[in-house]
Amino acid sequence: MSRSQDDAPAPRPWTRLGSRHGASLVLFRPRWDRLVNPRTSEEFERLVLETPDWVNVVALTADGELLCVEQYRFGSGTVTVEIPGGVLDRGEEHGAAARRELLEETGHTSERWRYLGAVEPNPAFQDNLCHHWLAEGCIRTHALGLDPGEDIAVRTLPVADVVSAVGSGRIRHSLVISALSRVLDLRLPE
């Protein structure tokens, strides 16, 4: 790691003095932690959203196209273009969740899987990871298995068009772009 410009000591973990939970919010469970700042010794209360881990699947067909899902997103109030993904079920391993989400949301399966690592969706106040997986040679083997709260259309996008879709904002979900960047060079042409 490089030295800071002002030679300040590196930040240290804060000591947690206690926690209290709020009511479950379906996807999140709020927790307020009472913490001590090691630099100033002051106490603060900070919100943490306890959240199950998530998965995203970069799914490529045998024809070299990216499997995408279009769906309405309540937060943005828009129909988005994303890659298959979702929340891990309680006790589920993230690789199994990736296979399940690909099948449920697209009806596709794959024999070639590779783990691409994980990212922290928002470590400022969430405690979960989003695991990225690559599935290659995907083929349609089943009907969609959507949850009652899902309304998804499966689309394909030539891999050559992914950079322009990101650049134009057609694909703009940050966790989707993070997963795609582990497989594709997303730099816009100059």
N, C-alpha and C. Protein backbone atom coordinates (compact mmCIF):
# COMPACT_ATOMS: atom_id res chain seq x y z
N MET A 1 0.84 -1.17 0.00
CA MET A 1 0.00 0.00 0.00
C MET A 1 0.89 1.24 0.00
N SER A 2 0.47 2.25 -0.71
CA SER A 2 1.26 3.48 -0.78
C SER A 2 1.09 4.29 0.50
N ARG A 3 2.04 5.15 0.76
CA ARG A 3 1.98 6.03 1.93
C ARG A 3 1.03 7.17 1.64
N SER A 4 0.34 7.64 2.68
CA SER A 4 -0.54 8.78 2.50
C SER A 4 0.31 10.03 2.34
N GLN A 5 -0.26 11.03 1.72
CA GLN A 5 0.49 12.25 1.46
C GLN A 5 0.80 13.02 2.73
N ASP A 6 -0.03 12.86 3.76
CA ASP A 6 0.23 13.60 4.99
C ASP A 6 0.82 12.71 6.09
N ASP A 7 1.20 11.47 5.75
CA ASP A 7 1.79 10.52 6.69
C ASP A 7 0.92 10.26 7.92
N ALA A 8 -0.40 10.40 7.77
CA ALA A 8 -1.32 10.09 8.86
C ALA A 8 -1.32 8.59 9.10
N PRO A 9 -1.54 8.17 10.34
CA PRO A 9 -1.61 6.73 10.60
C PRO A 9 -2.81 6.12 9.87
N ALA A 10 -2.68 4.86 9.55
CA ALA A 10 -3.76 4.17 8.84
C ALA A 10 -4.99 4.06 9.75
N PRO A 11 -6.19 4.19 9.17
CA PRO A 11 -7.40 4.00 9.98
C PRO A 11 -7.42 2.60 10.59
N ARG A 12 -8.00 2.48 11.77
CA ARG A 12 -8.10 1.21 12.48
C ARG A 12 -9.57 0.84 12.65
N PRO A 13 -9.86 -0.43 12.88
CA PRO A 13 -11.25 -0.81 13.16
C PRO A 13 -11.77 -0.10 14.40
N TRP A 14 -13.06 0.19 14.40
CA TRP A 14 -13.70 0.83 15.55
C TRP A 14 -14.19 -0.26 16.50
N THR A 15 -14.11 -0.01 17.78
CA THR A 15 -14.60 -0.95 18.78
C THR A 15 -16.11 -0.82 18.89
N ARG A 16 -16.80 -1.97 18.78
CA ARG A 16 -18.26 -1.96 18.92
C ARG A 16 -18.60 -2.17 20.39
N LEU A 17 -19.34 -1.23 20.96
CA LEU A 17 -19.74 -1.30 22.37
C LEU A 17 -21.04 -2.06 22.55
N GLY A 18 -21.85 -2.09 21.52
CA GLY A 18 -23.14 -2.77 21.60
C GLY A 18 -23.94 -2.55 20.34
N SER A 19 -25.04 -3.29 20.22
CA SER A 19 -25.90 -3.18 19.04
C SER A 19 -27.35 -3.35 19.45
N ARG A 20 -28.24 -2.78 18.66
CA ARG A 20 -29.68 -3.03 18.83
C ARG A 20 -30.28 -3.20 17.45
N HIS A 21 -31.25 -4.09 17.34
CA HIS A 21 -31.87 -4.38 16.05
C HIS A 21 -33.23 -3.70 15.93
N GLY A 22 -33.58 -3.40 14.69
CA GLY A 22 -34.91 -2.92 14.37
C GLY A 22 -35.71 -4.03 13.72
N ALA A 23 -36.93 -3.73 13.36
CA ALA A 23 -37.81 -4.71 12.72
C ALA A 23 -37.28 -5.07 11.33
N SER A 24 -37.50 -6.31 10.93
CA SER A 24 -37.06 -6.77 9.61
C SER A 24 -37.77 -5.97 8.52
N LEU A 25 -37.02 -5.63 7.47
CA LEU A 25 -37.56 -4.88 6.34
C LEU A 25 -37.53 -5.73 5.07
N VAL A 26 -37.84 -7.00 5.16
CA VAL A 26 -37.87 -7.99 4.09
C VAL A 26 -36.47 -8.26 3.55
N LEU A 27 -35.86 -7.33 2.83
CA LEU A 27 -34.53 -7.53 2.26
C LEU A 27 -33.41 -7.14 3.21
N PHE A 28 -33.74 -6.36 4.24
CA PHE A 28 -32.74 -5.85 5.17
C PHE A 28 -33.24 -6.00 6.60
N ARG A 29 -32.31 -6.05 7.52
CA ARG A 29 -32.63 -5.96 8.94
C ARG A 29 -31.74 -4.87 9.51
N PRO A 30 -32.33 -3.75 9.95
CA PRO A 30 -31.50 -2.66 10.47
C PRO A 30 -30.89 -3.01 11.83
N ARG A 31 -29.64 -2.59 11.98
CA ARG A 31 -28.92 -2.75 13.24
C ARG A 31 -28.20 -1.44 13.52
N TRP A 32 -28.36 -0.93 14.72
CA TRP A 32 -27.65 0.27 15.12
C TRP A 32 -26.52 -0.15 16.04
N ASP A 33 -25.29 0.13 15.63
CA ASP A 33 -24.10 -0.20 16.41
C ASP A 33 -23.62 1.04 17.15
N ARG A 34 -23.26 0.87 18.41
CA ARG A 34 -22.62 1.93 19.21
C ARG A 34 -21.13 1.65 19.11
N LEU A 35 -20.37 2.61 18.56
CA LEU A 35 -18.95 2.41 18.25
C LEU A 35 -18.09 3.51 18.84
N VAL A 36 -16.80 3.20 19.02
CA VAL A 36 -15.83 4.18 19.48
C VAL A 36 -14.84 4.44 18.35
N ASN A 37 -14.68 5.71 17.99
CA ASN A 37 -13.70 6.11 17.00
C ASN A 37 -12.31 6.00 17.64
N PRO A 38 -11.42 5.14 17.13
CA PRO A 38 -10.11 4.97 17.77
C PRO A 38 -9.23 6.21 17.66
N ARG A 39 -9.51 7.08 16.73
CA ARG A 39 -8.70 8.29 16.58
C ARG A 39 -9.05 9.34 17.61
N THR A 40 -10.39 9.49 17.91
CA THR A 40 -10.83 10.56 18.79
C THR A 40 -11.39 10.07 20.13
N SER A 41 -11.63 8.77 20.24
CA SER A 41 -12.26 8.15 21.42
C SER A 41 -13.71 8.58 21.61
N GLU A 42 -14.29 9.25 20.62
CA GLU A 42 -15.70 9.63 20.71
C GLU A 42 -16.58 8.45 20.34
N GLU A 43 -17.78 8.41 20.95
CA GLU A 43 -18.75 7.36 20.66
C GLU A 43 -19.75 7.85 19.62
N PHE A 44 -20.14 6.93 18.73
CA PHE A 44 -21.10 7.24 17.67
C PHE A 44 -22.06 6.06 17.52
N GLU A 45 -23.26 6.35 17.05
CA GLU A 45 -24.19 5.30 16.67
C GLU A 45 -24.27 5.28 15.14
N ARG A 46 -24.10 4.10 14.56
CA ARG A 46 -24.10 3.96 13.11
C ARG A 46 -25.06 2.85 12.69
N LEU A 47 -25.75 3.08 11.59
CA LEU A 47 -26.71 2.13 11.04
C LEU A 47 -26.01 1.12 10.14
N VAL A 48 -26.31 -0.16 10.31
CA VAL A 48 -25.85 -1.23 9.44
C VAL A 48 -27.09 -1.98 8.98
N LEU A 49 -27.19 -2.22 7.68
CA LEU A 49 -28.28 -3.04 7.16
C LEU A 49 -27.77 -4.46 6.98
N GLU A 50 -28.25 -5.36 7.81
CA GLU A 50 -27.88 -6.77 7.68
C GLU A 50 -28.62 -7.32 6.47
N THR A 51 -27.87 -7.81 5.51
CA THR A 51 -28.42 -8.16 4.21
C THR A 51 -27.86 -9.50 3.76
N PRO A 52 -28.71 -10.39 3.24
CA PRO A 52 -28.16 -11.64 2.69
C PRO A 52 -27.23 -11.34 1.51
N ASP A 53 -26.29 -12.24 1.26
CA ASP A 53 -25.43 -12.08 0.10
C ASP A 53 -26.24 -12.21 -1.19
N TRP A 54 -25.69 -11.66 -2.27
CA TRP A 54 -26.33 -11.68 -3.58
C TRP A 54 -25.40 -12.36 -4.57
N VAL A 55 -25.95 -12.74 -5.73
CA VAL A 55 -25.16 -13.26 -6.85
C VAL A 55 -25.56 -12.54 -8.12
N ASN A 56 -24.62 -12.43 -9.03
CA ASN A 56 -24.84 -11.98 -10.41
C ASN A 56 -24.16 -12.98 -11.32
N VAL A 57 -24.77 -13.25 -12.48
CA VAL A 57 -24.24 -14.23 -13.42
C VAL A 57 -24.01 -13.57 -14.77
N VAL A 58 -22.75 -13.52 -15.20
CA VAL A 58 -22.43 -13.15 -16.57
C VAL A 58 -22.61 -14.43 -17.37
N ALA A 59 -23.71 -14.51 -18.11
CA ALA A 59 -24.10 -15.73 -18.81
C ALA A 59 -23.92 -15.54 -20.30
N LEU A 60 -23.03 -16.32 -20.90
CA LEU A 60 -22.75 -16.23 -22.34
C LEU A 60 -23.29 -17.47 -23.04
N THR A 61 -24.00 -17.24 -24.12
CA THR A 61 -24.53 -18.36 -24.90
C THR A 61 -23.42 -18.95 -25.76
N ALA A 62 -23.70 -20.11 -26.35
CA ALA A 62 -22.75 -20.75 -27.26
C ALA A 62 -22.47 -19.87 -28.47
N ASP A 63 -23.43 -18.98 -28.80
CA ASP A 63 -23.26 -18.06 -29.94
C ASP A 63 -22.52 -16.79 -29.55
N GLY A 64 -22.03 -16.70 -28.32
CA GLY A 64 -21.26 -15.53 -27.90
C GLY A 64 -22.11 -14.32 -27.57
N GLU A 65 -23.34 -14.56 -27.15
CA GLU A 65 -24.20 -13.45 -26.76
C GLU A 65 -24.39 -13.45 -25.24
N LEU A 66 -24.60 -12.27 -24.70
CA LEU A 66 -24.83 -12.10 -23.27
C LEU A 66 -26.32 -12.27 -22.99
N LEU A 67 -26.64 -13.14 -22.04
CA LEU A 67 -28.03 -13.26 -21.61
C LEU A 67 -28.35 -12.11 -20.67
N CYS A 68 -29.41 -11.39 -20.98
CA CYS A 68 -29.83 -10.27 -20.16
C CYS A 68 -31.27 -10.47 -19.71
N VAL A 69 -31.63 -9.79 -18.64
CA VAL A 69 -33.01 -9.78 -18.18
C VAL A 69 -33.48 -8.33 -18.12
N GLU A 70 -34.67 -8.12 -18.63
CA GLU A 70 -35.32 -6.81 -18.50
C GLU A 70 -36.36 -6.95 -17.41
N GLN A 71 -36.38 -5.99 -16.50
CA GLN A 71 -37.37 -6.03 -15.43
C GLN A 71 -37.59 -4.64 -14.86
N TYR A 72 -38.76 -4.45 -14.28
CA TYR A 72 -39.09 -3.19 -13.63
C TYR A 72 -38.40 -3.15 -12.27
N ARG A 73 -37.75 -2.04 -11.97
CA ARG A 73 -37.09 -1.85 -10.68
C ARG A 73 -37.82 -0.76 -9.90
N PHE A 74 -38.27 -1.12 -8.70
CA PHE A 74 -39.09 -0.23 -7.89
C PHE A 74 -38.33 1.01 -7.44
N GLY A 75 -37.05 0.86 -7.12
CA GLY A 75 -36.26 2.00 -6.64
C GLY A 75 -36.13 3.10 -7.67
N SER A 76 -35.79 2.73 -8.91
CA SER A 76 -35.61 3.74 -9.96
C SER A 76 -36.90 4.03 -10.70
N GLY A 77 -37.89 3.15 -10.56
CA GLY A 77 -39.14 3.34 -11.29
C GLY A 77 -38.99 3.15 -12.78
N THR A 78 -38.00 2.34 -13.19
CA THR A 78 -37.73 2.13 -14.62
C THR A 78 -37.58 0.64 -14.92
N VAL A 79 -37.69 0.32 -16.20
CA VAL A 79 -37.37 -1.02 -16.68
C VAL A 79 -35.88 -1.02 -16.99
N THR A 80 -35.17 -1.97 -16.41
CA THR A 80 -33.72 -2.01 -16.55
C THR A 80 -33.28 -3.21 -17.37
N VAL A 81 -32.06 -3.12 -17.90
CA VAL A 81 -31.41 -4.25 -18.56
C VAL A 81 -30.28 -4.67 -17.62
N GLU A 82 -30.33 -5.92 -17.18
CA GLU A 82 -29.36 -6.43 -16.23
C GLU A 82 -28.94 -7.83 -16.65
N ILE A 83 -28.14 -8.46 -15.81
CA ILE A 83 -27.80 -9.87 -15.98
C ILE A 83 -28.55 -10.64 -14.89
N PRO A 84 -28.72 -11.95 -15.06
CA PRO A 84 -29.44 -12.71 -14.04
C PRO A 84 -28.74 -12.61 -12.68
N GLY A 85 -29.54 -12.61 -11.64
CA GLY A 85 -28.98 -12.54 -10.30
C GLY A 85 -30.05 -12.45 -9.26
N GLY A 86 -29.63 -12.50 -8.02
CA GLY A 86 -30.60 -12.38 -6.93
C GLY A 86 -29.98 -12.67 -5.59
N VAL A 87 -30.87 -12.88 -4.61
CA VAL A 87 -30.51 -13.06 -3.22
C VAL A 87 -30.29 -14.55 -2.93
N LEU A 88 -29.27 -14.84 -2.15
CA LEU A 88 -29.07 -16.22 -1.69
C LEU A 88 -30.17 -16.59 -0.71
N ASP A 89 -30.68 -17.81 -0.84
CA ASP A 89 -31.61 -18.33 0.15
C ASP A 89 -30.83 -18.69 1.41
N ARG A 90 -31.50 -18.71 2.55
CA ARG A 90 -30.86 -19.02 3.83
C ARG A 90 -30.13 -20.36 3.72
N GLY A 91 -28.83 -20.37 4.05
CA GLY A 91 -28.02 -21.58 4.03
C GLY A 91 -27.52 -21.99 2.65
N GLU A 92 -27.87 -21.23 1.62
CA GLU A 92 -27.48 -21.59 0.25
C GLU A 92 -26.06 -21.11 -0.05
N GLU A 93 -25.30 -21.92 -0.73
CA GLU A 93 -23.95 -21.56 -1.18
C GLU A 93 -24.09 -20.69 -2.43
N HIS A 94 -23.18 -19.71 -2.60
CA HIS A 94 -23.35 -18.74 -3.69
C HIS A 94 -23.25 -19.36 -5.07
N GLY A 95 -22.47 -20.41 -5.25
CA GLY A 95 -22.42 -21.08 -6.55
C GLY A 95 -23.74 -21.74 -6.89
N ALA A 96 -24.37 -22.35 -5.91
CA ALA A 96 -25.69 -22.97 -6.11
C ALA A 96 -26.73 -21.88 -6.41
N ALA A 97 -26.62 -20.75 -5.73
CA ALA A 97 -27.56 -19.65 -5.98
C ALA A 97 -27.40 -19.10 -7.40
N ALA A 98 -26.16 -19.03 -7.89
CA ALA A 98 -25.93 -18.55 -9.25
C ALA A 98 -26.60 -19.48 -10.26
N ARG A 99 -26.44 -20.78 -10.08
CA ARG A 99 -27.06 -21.75 -10.99
C ARG A 99 -28.59 -21.66 -10.92
N ARG A 100 -29.13 -21.51 -9.70
CA ARG A 100 -30.57 -21.40 -9.51
C ARG A 100 -31.12 -20.14 -10.17
N GLU A 101 -30.45 -19.01 -9.95
CA GLU A 101 -30.94 -17.74 -10.52
C GLU A 101 -30.90 -17.77 -12.05
N LEU A 102 -29.83 -18.32 -12.62
CA LEU A 102 -29.75 -18.41 -14.08
C LEU A 102 -30.92 -19.23 -14.62
N LEU A 103 -31.19 -20.36 -14.00
CA LEU A 103 -32.28 -21.23 -14.44
C LEU A 103 -33.64 -20.57 -14.25
N GLU A 104 -33.89 -20.01 -13.06
CA GLU A 104 -35.19 -19.41 -12.78
C GLU A 104 -35.48 -18.21 -13.68
N GLU A 105 -34.49 -17.33 -13.85
CA GLU A 105 -34.73 -16.07 -14.55
C GLU A 105 -34.62 -16.18 -16.06
N THR A 106 -33.89 -17.19 -16.57
CA THR A 106 -33.69 -17.27 -18.03
C THR A 106 -34.06 -18.62 -18.62
N GLY A 107 -34.22 -19.65 -17.80
CA GLY A 107 -34.47 -20.99 -18.31
C GLY A 107 -33.23 -21.65 -18.88
N HIS A 108 -32.06 -21.04 -18.68
CA HIS A 108 -30.80 -21.55 -19.23
C HIS A 108 -29.99 -22.29 -18.17
N THR A 109 -29.18 -23.22 -18.64
CA THR A 109 -28.21 -23.92 -17.80
C THR A 109 -26.86 -23.89 -18.50
N SER A 110 -25.82 -24.24 -17.74
CA SER A 110 -24.47 -24.26 -18.28
C SER A 110 -23.68 -25.36 -17.59
N GLU A 111 -22.75 -25.92 -18.32
CA GLU A 111 -21.82 -26.90 -17.75
C GLU A 111 -20.49 -26.25 -17.38
N ARG A 112 -20.26 -25.00 -17.82
CA ARG A 112 -18.97 -24.33 -17.60
C ARG A 112 -19.17 -23.08 -16.73
N TRP A 113 -18.74 -23.20 -15.49
CA TRP A 113 -18.89 -22.13 -14.51
C TRP A 113 -17.52 -21.73 -13.97
N ARG A 114 -17.38 -20.43 -13.72
CA ARG A 114 -16.15 -19.93 -13.10
C ARG A 114 -16.51 -18.81 -12.13
N TYR A 115 -15.95 -18.89 -10.92
CA TYR A 115 -16.18 -17.86 -9.92
C TYR A 115 -15.30 -16.66 -10.24
N LEU A 116 -15.90 -15.46 -10.23
CA LEU A 116 -15.18 -14.24 -10.58
C LEU A 116 -14.85 -13.37 -9.37
N GLY A 117 -15.19 -13.82 -8.18
CA GLY A 117 -14.92 -13.03 -6.98
C GLY A 117 -16.16 -12.29 -6.51
N ALA A 118 -15.98 -11.53 -5.44
CA ALA A 118 -17.09 -10.82 -4.83
C ALA A 118 -16.74 -9.35 -4.63
N VAL A 119 -17.79 -8.54 -4.54
CA VAL A 119 -17.65 -7.12 -4.23
C VAL A 119 -18.58 -6.78 -3.07
N GLU A 120 -18.28 -5.69 -2.39
CA GLU A 120 -19.14 -5.18 -1.33
C GLU A 120 -20.09 -4.16 -1.95
N PRO A 121 -21.40 -4.44 -2.02
CA PRO A 121 -22.32 -3.51 -2.67
C PRO A 121 -22.28 -2.09 -2.10
N ASN A 122 -22.27 -1.95 -0.79
CA ASN A 122 -22.12 -0.63 -0.18
C ASN A 122 -21.65 -0.81 1.26
N PRO A 123 -20.33 -0.93 1.47
CA PRO A 123 -19.81 -1.21 2.81
C PRO A 123 -20.00 -0.07 3.80
N ALA A 124 -20.48 1.07 3.34
CA ALA A 124 -20.75 2.17 4.27
C ALA A 124 -21.85 1.80 5.26
N PHE A 125 -22.84 0.99 4.81
CA PHE A 125 -23.92 0.63 5.73
C PHE A 125 -24.54 -0.74 5.46
N GLN A 126 -23.98 -1.54 4.54
CA GLN A 126 -24.45 -2.90 4.31
C GLN A 126 -23.35 -3.88 4.68
N ASP A 127 -23.75 -5.08 5.12
CA ASP A 127 -22.77 -6.07 5.57
C ASP A 127 -22.63 -7.25 4.60
N ASN A 128 -23.18 -7.15 3.40
CA ASN A 128 -23.21 -8.30 2.50
C ASN A 128 -22.20 -8.20 1.36
N LEU A 129 -22.09 -9.32 0.63
CA LEU A 129 -21.28 -9.41 -0.58
C LEU A 129 -22.17 -9.71 -1.77
N CYS A 130 -21.72 -9.31 -2.94
CA CYS A 130 -22.33 -9.73 -4.20
C CYS A 130 -21.29 -10.58 -4.92
N HIS A 131 -21.60 -11.86 -5.10
CA HIS A 131 -20.70 -12.81 -5.75
C HIS A 131 -20.95 -12.81 -7.25
N HIS A 132 -19.88 -12.72 -8.02
CA HIS A 132 -19.98 -12.71 -9.48
C HIS A 132 -19.56 -14.07 -10.03
N TRP A 133 -20.34 -14.58 -10.95
CA TRP A 133 -20.08 -15.86 -11.60
C TRP A 133 -20.14 -15.71 -13.11
N LEU A 134 -19.35 -16.50 -13.80
CA LEU A 134 -19.38 -16.58 -15.26
C LEU A 134 -19.91 -17.95 -15.64
N ALA A 135 -20.91 -17.98 -16.50
CA ALA A 135 -21.45 -19.22 -17.05
C ALA A 135 -21.30 -19.14 -18.56
N GLU A 136 -20.58 -20.08 -19.15
CA GLU A 136 -20.32 -20.06 -20.59
C GLU A 136 -21.05 -21.22 -21.28
N GLY A 137 -21.37 -21.00 -22.55
CA GLY A 137 -22.04 -22.04 -23.33
C GLY A 137 -23.46 -22.30 -22.86
N CYS A 138 -24.13 -21.28 -22.37
CA CYS A 138 -25.48 -21.45 -21.82
C CYS A 138 -26.46 -21.86 -22.92
N ILE A 139 -27.34 -22.79 -22.54
CA ILE A 139 -28.40 -23.23 -23.46
C ILE A 139 -29.73 -23.22 -22.73
N ARG A 140 -30.78 -22.96 -23.50
CA ARG A 140 -32.14 -22.95 -22.94
C ARG A 140 -32.58 -24.39 -22.73
N THR A 141 -32.87 -24.75 -21.48
CA THR A 141 -33.28 -26.11 -21.16
C THR A 141 -34.62 -26.18 -20.43
N HIS A 142 -35.11 -25.06 -19.92
CA HIS A 142 -36.32 -25.05 -19.10
C HIS A 142 -37.15 -23.79 -19.39
N ALA A 143 -38.38 -23.82 -18.93
CA ALA A 143 -39.21 -22.62 -18.92
C ALA A 143 -38.75 -21.74 -17.76
N LEU A 144 -39.10 -20.46 -17.81
CA LEU A 144 -38.76 -19.57 -16.70
C LEU A 144 -39.46 -20.04 -15.44
N GLY A 145 -38.82 -19.82 -14.30
CA GLY A 145 -39.40 -20.17 -13.00
C GLY A 145 -39.48 -18.95 -12.11
N LEU A 146 -40.23 -17.95 -12.54
CA LEU A 146 -40.25 -16.67 -11.84
C LEU A 146 -41.04 -16.72 -10.55
N ASP A 147 -40.57 -15.94 -9.57
CA ASP A 147 -41.31 -15.73 -8.33
C ASP A 147 -42.55 -14.90 -8.64
N PRO A 148 -43.59 -14.95 -7.79
CA PRO A 148 -44.80 -14.16 -8.04
C PRO A 148 -44.54 -12.67 -8.17
N GLY A 149 -43.49 -12.16 -7.53
CA GLY A 149 -43.18 -10.73 -7.59
C GLY A 149 -42.25 -10.34 -8.72
N GLU A 150 -41.97 -11.27 -9.64
CA GLU A 150 -41.07 -10.97 -10.76
C GLU A 150 -41.84 -10.91 -12.07
N ASP A 151 -41.39 -10.05 -12.96
CA ASP A 151 -41.91 -9.94 -14.32
C ASP A 151 -40.70 -9.67 -15.20
N ILE A 152 -40.14 -10.73 -15.78
CA ILE A 152 -38.86 -10.65 -16.47
C ILE A 152 -39.00 -11.07 -17.92
N ALA A 153 -38.33 -10.35 -18.80
CA ALA A 153 -38.18 -10.75 -20.20
C ALA A 153 -36.71 -11.06 -20.44
N VAL A 154 -36.43 -12.19 -21.07
CA VAL A 154 -35.06 -12.58 -21.37
C VAL A 154 -34.68 -12.00 -22.72
N ARG A 155 -33.52 -11.39 -22.78
CA ARG A 155 -32.99 -10.82 -24.02
C ARG A 155 -31.56 -11.29 -24.20
N THR A 156 -31.07 -11.24 -25.42
CA THR A 156 -29.65 -11.49 -25.67
C THR A 156 -29.05 -10.24 -26.28
N LEU A 157 -27.78 -10.06 -25.99
CA LEU A 157 -27.05 -8.90 -26.49
C LEU A 157 -25.71 -9.39 -27.00
N PRO A 158 -25.38 -9.12 -28.27
CA PRO A 158 -24.05 -9.52 -28.75
C PRO A 158 -22.97 -8.92 -27.84
N VAL A 159 -21.98 -9.71 -27.50
CA VAL A 159 -20.92 -9.24 -26.61
C VAL A 159 -20.28 -7.97 -27.16
N ALA A 160 -20.18 -7.88 -28.48
CA ALA A 160 -19.59 -6.69 -29.10
C ALA A 160 -20.39 -5.42 -28.81
N ASP A 161 -21.67 -5.56 -28.42
CA ASP A 161 -22.52 -4.40 -28.14
C ASP A 161 -22.59 -4.03 -26.66
N VAL A 162 -21.94 -4.81 -25.79
CA VAL A 162 -22.04 -4.56 -24.36
C VAL A 162 -21.40 -3.23 -23.97
N VAL A 163 -20.25 -2.91 -24.52
CA VAL A 163 -19.57 -1.65 -24.18
C VAL A 163 -20.46 -0.45 -24.53
N SER A 164 -21.07 -0.47 -25.69
CA SER A 164 -21.93 0.66 -26.06
C SER A 164 -23.19 0.69 -25.19
N ALA A 165 -23.69 -0.47 -24.77
CA ALA A 165 -24.86 -0.50 -23.89
C ALA A 165 -24.53 0.10 -22.52
N VAL A 166 -23.32 -0.16 -22.02
CA VAL A 166 -22.88 0.45 -20.77
C VAL A 166 -22.64 1.95 -20.98
N GLY A 167 -21.95 2.30 -22.05
CA GLY A 167 -21.63 3.70 -22.32
C GLY A 167 -22.86 4.57 -22.52
N SER A 168 -23.89 4.02 -23.13
CA SER A 168 -25.11 4.78 -23.39
C SER A 168 -26.05 4.84 -22.19
N GLY A 169 -25.77 4.02 -21.18
CA GLY A 169 -26.65 3.96 -20.01
C GLY A 169 -27.77 2.94 -20.15
N ARG A 170 -27.80 2.21 -21.25
CA ARG A 170 -28.80 1.14 -21.38
C ARG A 170 -28.60 0.11 -20.27
N ILE A 171 -27.34 -0.21 -19.98
CA ILE A 171 -26.99 -1.02 -18.81
C ILE A 171 -26.30 -0.07 -17.84
N ARG A 172 -26.90 0.11 -16.65
CA ARG A 172 -26.29 1.05 -15.71
C ARG A 172 -26.34 0.62 -14.25
N HIS A 173 -26.78 -0.59 -14.00
CA HIS A 173 -26.78 -1.13 -12.64
C HIS A 173 -25.31 -1.37 -12.24
N SER A 174 -24.87 -0.75 -11.16
CA SER A 174 -23.45 -0.78 -10.80
C SER A 174 -22.93 -2.19 -10.53
N LEU A 175 -23.73 -3.05 -9.93
CA LEU A 175 -23.26 -4.41 -9.66
C LEU A 175 -23.20 -5.25 -10.93
N VAL A 176 -24.06 -4.96 -11.88
CA VAL A 176 -24.00 -5.62 -13.19
C VAL A 176 -22.73 -5.20 -13.91
N ILE A 177 -22.43 -3.90 -13.90
CA ILE A 177 -21.23 -3.40 -14.55
C ILE A 177 -19.98 -3.97 -13.87
N SER A 178 -20.02 -4.08 -12.55
CA SER A 178 -18.90 -4.67 -11.83
C SER A 178 -18.65 -6.10 -12.28
N ALA A 179 -19.73 -6.89 -12.40
CA ALA A 179 -19.58 -8.29 -12.85
C ALA A 179 -19.07 -8.34 -14.29
N LEU A 180 -19.65 -7.52 -15.17
CA LEU A 180 -19.23 -7.52 -16.57
C LEU A 180 -17.77 -7.14 -16.72
N SER A 181 -17.30 -6.23 -15.85
CA SER A 181 -15.91 -5.76 -15.95
C SER A 181 -14.90 -6.86 -15.59
N ARG A 182 -15.35 -7.91 -14.97
CA ARG A 182 -14.47 -9.03 -14.64
C ARG A 182 -14.30 -9.98 -15.82
N VAL A 183 -15.10 -9.75 -16.87
CA VAL A 183 -15.06 -10.60 -18.05
C VAL A 183 -14.69 -9.82 -19.31
N LEU A 184 -15.17 -8.58 -19.38
CA LEU A 184 -15.02 -7.77 -20.59
C LEU A 184 -14.28 -6.46 -20.30
N ASP A 185 -13.60 -5.94 -21.30
CA ASP A 185 -13.00 -4.61 -21.21
C ASP A 185 -14.10 -3.61 -21.54
N LEU A 186 -14.56 -2.86 -20.56
CA LEU A 186 -15.69 -1.96 -20.74
C LEU A 186 -15.29 -0.53 -21.06
N ARG A 187 -14.00 -0.31 -21.33
CA ARG A 187 -13.59 1.06 -21.66
C ARG A 187 -14.23 1.50 -22.96
N LEU A 188 -14.75 2.72 -22.96
CA LEU A 188 -15.35 3.28 -24.16
C LEU A 188 -14.26 3.63 -25.16
N PRO A 189 -14.53 3.42 -26.45
CA PRO A 189 -13.53 3.82 -27.44
C PRO A 189 -13.35 5.33 -27.43
N GLU A 190 -12.13 5.73 -27.73
CA GLU A 190 -11.85 7.19 -27.73
C GLU A 190 -12.27 7.82 -29.03
